[in-house]
N, C-alpha and C. Protein backbone atom coordinates (compact mmCIF):
# COMPACT_ATOMS: atom_id res chain seq x y z
N UNK A 1 1.94 -9.35 2.01
CA UNK A 1 3.19 -9.44 2.34
C UNK A 1 3.45 -10.89 2.78
N UNK A 2 2.75 -11.43 3.76
CA UNK A 2 3.24 -12.64 4.09
C UNK A 2 3.16 -13.92 3.10
N UNK A 3 2.17 -13.58 2.21
CA UNK A 3 2.03 -14.57 1.17
C UNK A 3 3.36 -14.45 0.23
N UNK A 4 3.79 -13.17 -0.08
CA UNK A 4 5.10 -13.09 -0.79
C UNK A 4 6.42 -13.75 -0.26
N UNK A 5 6.55 -13.44 1.19
CA UNK A 5 7.54 -13.96 2.00
C UNK A 5 7.62 -15.44 1.88
N UNK A 6 6.36 -16.34 1.33
CA UNK A 6 6.29 -17.51 1.60
C UNK A 6 6.81 -18.20 0.19
N UNK A 7 6.94 -17.20 -1.00
CA UNK A 7 7.33 -17.65 -2.19
C UNK A 7 8.48 -17.56 -2.63
N UNK A 8 8.91 -18.42 -3.71
CA UNK A 8 10.32 -18.41 -4.18
C UNK A 8 10.51 -17.52 -5.21
N UNK A 9 11.07 -16.25 -4.77
CA UNK A 9 11.22 -15.11 -5.64
C UNK A 9 12.69 -14.83 -6.41
N UNK A 10 12.70 -14.39 -7.69
CA UNK A 10 14.09 -14.23 -8.12
C UNK A 10 14.81 -13.15 -7.24
N UNK A 11 16.16 -13.42 -7.07
CA UNK A 11 16.92 -12.35 -6.20
C UNK A 11 16.81 -11.04 -6.69
N UNK A 12 16.37 -10.33 -7.77
CA UNK A 12 16.40 -9.20 -8.43
C UNK A 12 15.02 -8.75 -8.13
N UNK A 13 13.90 -9.70 -7.59
CA UNK A 13 12.78 -8.86 -7.16
C UNK A 13 12.85 -8.40 -5.97
N UNK A 14 12.40 -7.01 -5.65
CA UNK A 14 12.52 -6.37 -4.55
C UNK A 14 11.11 -5.84 -4.06
N UNK A 15 10.71 -5.96 -2.75
CA UNK A 15 9.47 -5.72 -2.19
C UNK A 15 9.60 -4.42 -1.04
N UNK A 16 8.90 -3.45 -1.39
CA UNK A 16 9.12 -2.31 -0.25
C UNK A 16 7.86 -2.32 0.19
N UNK A 17 7.74 -2.72 1.87
CA UNK A 17 6.31 -2.42 2.33
C UNK A 17 6.00 -1.02 2.70
N UNK A 18 5.85 -0.37 1.68
CA UNK A 18 5.40 1.01 1.67
C UNK A 18 4.31 1.37 1.15
N UNK A 19 3.38 2.19 1.76
CA UNK A 19 2.34 2.69 0.73
C UNK A 19 2.73 4.07 0.09
N UNK A 20 2.17 4.45 -1.07
CA UNK A 20 2.37 5.50 -1.84
C UNK A 20 0.99 6.50 -1.52
N UNK A 21 1.27 7.69 -1.17
CA UNK A 21 0.34 8.62 -0.89
C UNK A 21 0.77 10.17 -1.70
N UNK A 22 -0.18 10.98 -1.32
CA UNK A 22 0.35 12.29 -1.72
C UNK A 22 0.90 13.29 -0.64
N UNK A 23 1.32 12.42 0.34
CA UNK A 23 2.20 13.35 1.34
C UNK A 23 2.81 11.97 2.05
N UNK A 24 4.00 12.46 3.01
CA UNK A 24 4.58 11.47 3.77
C UNK A 24 3.85 11.37 5.09
N UNK A 25 3.80 10.23 5.64
CA UNK A 25 3.44 10.14 6.90
C UNK A 25 2.25 9.07 7.06
N UNK A 26 1.54 9.05 8.35
CA UNK A 26 0.82 7.98 8.36
C UNK A 26 -0.54 8.03 7.74
N UNK A 27 -1.19 6.81 7.36
CA UNK A 27 -2.33 6.77 6.66
C UNK A 27 -3.37 5.81 7.44
N UNK A 28 -4.55 6.11 7.30
CA UNK A 28 -5.64 4.98 8.08
C UNK A 28 -6.34 4.44 6.97
N UNK A 29 -6.57 3.10 7.15
CA UNK A 29 -7.42 2.33 6.23
C UNK A 29 -8.45 1.58 7.07
N UNK A 30 -9.38 1.42 6.28
CA UNK A 30 -10.70 0.48 6.93
C UNK A 30 -10.79 -0.73 6.10
N UNK A 31 -11.11 -1.86 6.96
CA UNK A 31 -11.29 -2.99 6.33
C UNK A 31 -12.61 -2.99 5.58
N UNK A 32 -12.61 -4.29 4.58
CA UNK A 32 -13.80 -4.27 3.65
C UNK A 32 -15.04 -4.61 4.64
N UNK A 33 -16.18 -4.20 4.03
CA UNK A 33 -17.47 -4.74 4.79
C UNK A 33 -17.75 -6.24 4.34
N UNK A 34 -17.18 -6.94 3.37
CA UNK A 34 -17.48 -8.47 3.21
C UNK A 34 -16.14 -9.03 3.40
N UNK A 35 -15.98 -10.04 4.50
CA UNK A 35 -14.99 -10.72 4.79
C UNK A 35 -14.14 -11.35 3.96
N UNK A 36 -14.79 -11.62 2.73
CA UNK A 36 -14.36 -12.37 1.81
C UNK A 36 -13.56 -11.69 0.71
N UNK A 37 -13.47 -10.26 0.97
CA UNK A 37 -12.67 -9.30 0.04
C UNK A 37 -11.33 -9.09 0.89
N UNK A 38 -10.47 -8.70 0.39
CA UNK A 38 -9.05 -8.39 1.12
C UNK A 38 -8.45 -7.14 1.19
N UNK A 39 -9.24 -6.15 0.41
CA UNK A 39 -8.54 -4.97 0.14
C UNK A 39 -9.16 -3.74 1.28
N UNK A 40 -8.30 -3.26 1.96
CA UNK A 40 -8.64 -2.24 2.78
C UNK A 40 -8.83 -0.93 2.02
N UNK A 41 -9.40 0.01 2.54
CA UNK A 41 -9.72 1.30 1.65
C UNK A 41 -9.39 2.57 2.65
N UNK A 42 -8.97 3.59 2.00
CA UNK A 42 -8.50 4.93 2.81
C UNK A 42 -10.14 5.64 3.12
N UNK A 43 -10.81 5.08 2.32
CA UNK A 43 -12.30 5.97 2.58
C UNK A 43 -13.34 4.94 3.17
N UNK A 44 -14.08 5.15 4.39
CA UNK A 44 -14.86 4.39 4.86
C UNK A 44 -16.11 4.63 4.01
N UNK A 45 -16.78 3.22 3.53
CA UNK A 45 -17.91 3.20 2.80
C UNK A 45 -18.89 2.24 3.44
N UNK A 46 -20.11 2.10 2.76
CA UNK A 46 -21.28 1.70 3.33
C UNK A 46 -20.96 0.15 3.85
N UNK A 47 -21.35 -0.14 5.16
CA UNK A 47 -20.97 -1.47 5.83
C UNK A 47 -19.83 -1.67 6.54
N UNK A 48 -18.74 -0.62 6.08
CA UNK A 48 -17.31 -0.88 6.73
C UNK A 48 -17.49 -0.25 8.01
N UNK A 49 -17.47 -1.34 9.03
CA UNK A 49 -17.58 -1.03 10.56
C UNK A 49 -16.19 -1.68 11.33
N UNK A 50 -15.44 -2.43 10.59
CA UNK A 50 -14.24 -2.84 11.34
C UNK A 50 -13.37 -1.61 11.80
N UNK A 51 -12.31 -2.35 12.65
CA UNK A 51 -11.30 -1.59 13.22
C UNK A 51 -10.13 -1.05 12.02
N UNK A 52 -10.13 0.12 12.08
CA UNK A 52 -9.05 0.91 11.15
C UNK A 52 -7.63 0.31 11.42
N UNK A 53 -6.69 0.35 10.63
CA UNK A 53 -5.36 0.47 10.82
C UNK A 53 -4.53 1.39 10.11
N UNK A 54 -3.32 1.73 10.72
CA UNK A 54 -2.49 2.79 10.20
C UNK A 54 -1.20 2.48 9.64
N UNK A 55 -0.90 2.91 8.54
CA UNK A 55 0.45 2.23 7.88
C UNK A 55 0.99 3.43 7.41
N UNK A 56 2.49 3.43 7.04
CA UNK A 56 3.28 4.57 6.74
C UNK A 56 3.29 4.63 5.22
N UNK A 57 2.75 5.78 4.76
CA UNK A 57 2.99 6.18 3.22
C UNK A 57 3.87 7.11 3.11
N UNK A 58 4.37 7.46 1.46
CA UNK A 58 5.26 8.18 1.29
C UNK A 58 4.92 8.70 -0.15
N UNK A 59 5.30 9.89 -0.55
CA UNK A 59 5.18 10.18 -2.05
C UNK A 59 6.19 9.50 -2.86
N UNK A 60 5.99 9.39 -4.27
CA UNK A 60 6.92 8.63 -4.94
C UNK A 60 8.17 9.25 -5.09
N UNK A 61 8.43 10.52 -5.00
CA UNK A 61 9.82 11.22 -4.92
C UNK A 61 10.45 10.44 -3.51
N UNK A 62 9.89 10.28 -2.50
CA UNK A 62 10.41 10.03 -1.23
C UNK A 62 10.77 8.38 -1.54
N UNK A 63 9.78 7.66 -1.98
CA UNK A 63 10.12 6.27 -2.05
C UNK A 63 11.35 6.06 -2.93
N UNK A 64 11.70 6.86 -4.16
CA UNK A 64 12.58 6.82 -4.92
C UNK A 64 13.92 6.94 -4.12
N UNK A 65 13.90 8.08 -3.23
CA UNK A 65 15.17 8.29 -2.45
C UNK A 65 15.43 7.37 -1.53
N UNK A 66 14.24 6.85 -0.79
CA UNK A 66 14.57 5.77 0.16
C UNK A 66 15.22 4.50 -0.28
N UNK A 67 14.78 4.01 -1.57
CA UNK A 67 15.31 2.75 -2.01
C UNK A 67 16.52 3.12 -3.00
N UNK A 68 16.81 4.31 -3.15
CA UNK A 68 18.27 4.78 -3.76
C UNK A 68 18.09 4.49 -5.37
N UNK A 69 16.81 4.68 -5.89
CA UNK A 69 16.49 4.42 -7.27
C UNK A 69 16.25 5.77 -8.19
N UNK A 70 16.79 5.60 -9.24
CA UNK A 70 16.69 6.74 -10.09
C UNK A 70 15.45 6.48 -11.08
N UNK A 71 15.02 5.06 -11.21
CA UNK A 71 13.94 4.59 -12.06
C UNK A 71 13.27 3.55 -11.56
N UNK A 72 11.89 3.19 -11.91
CA UNK A 72 11.48 1.94 -11.61
C UNK A 72 10.81 1.31 -12.93
N UNK A 73 11.03 0.04 -12.92
CA UNK A 73 10.89 -0.65 -14.06
C UNK A 73 9.22 -1.14 -13.91
N UNK A 74 8.75 -1.58 -12.88
CA UNK A 74 7.42 -1.94 -12.65
C UNK A 74 6.72 -1.43 -11.47
N UNK A 75 5.70 -0.69 -11.43
CA UNK A 75 5.12 -0.10 -10.10
C UNK A 75 3.68 -0.49 -10.23
N UNK A 76 3.27 -1.55 -9.28
CA UNK A 76 2.05 -2.07 -9.17
C UNK A 76 1.48 -1.14 -8.09
N UNK A 77 0.26 -0.61 -8.58
CA UNK A 77 -0.46 0.22 -7.45
C UNK A 77 -1.80 -0.46 -7.27
N UNK A 78 -2.36 -0.36 -6.03
CA UNK A 78 -3.67 -1.03 -5.56
C UNK A 78 -4.23 0.48 -4.85
N UNK A 79 -4.98 1.07 -5.41
CA UNK A 79 -5.11 2.47 -5.04
C UNK A 79 -6.05 2.59 -3.79
N UNK A 80 -7.09 1.78 -3.77
CA UNK A 80 -8.09 1.77 -2.51
C UNK A 80 -8.40 3.13 -1.82
N UNK A 81 -8.95 4.12 -2.61
CA UNK A 81 -9.43 5.33 -2.02
C UNK A 81 -8.38 6.43 -2.13
N UNK A 82 -7.12 6.29 -2.48
CA UNK A 82 -6.16 7.17 -2.61
C UNK A 82 -5.91 7.75 -3.95
N UNK A 83 -6.73 7.41 -4.85
CA UNK A 83 -6.80 8.10 -6.17
C UNK A 83 -6.97 9.34 -6.24
N UNK A 84 -7.83 9.69 -5.24
CA UNK A 84 -8.27 11.34 -5.49
C UNK A 84 -7.17 12.17 -5.12
N UNK A 85 -6.22 11.79 -3.92
CA UNK A 85 -4.87 12.65 -3.71
C UNK A 85 -3.95 12.47 -5.00
């Protein structure tokens, strides 16, 4: 999000700082074991010992309702352990 905020984006480009999940509410993510990686995961794996963070997630219908949308043109998903739900 910090990187996106530093970019010159078209006015029609909208970013929503929400995670998608199979339920609405908080979700816990753990940092990668390798500091050179950037993706946190919903599942703790081998070597992941760092402090977890909690972020708000919601279902796709909740997201559409919150942003007042009836359709999505592009949905970029970085799943990181939420693929099972």
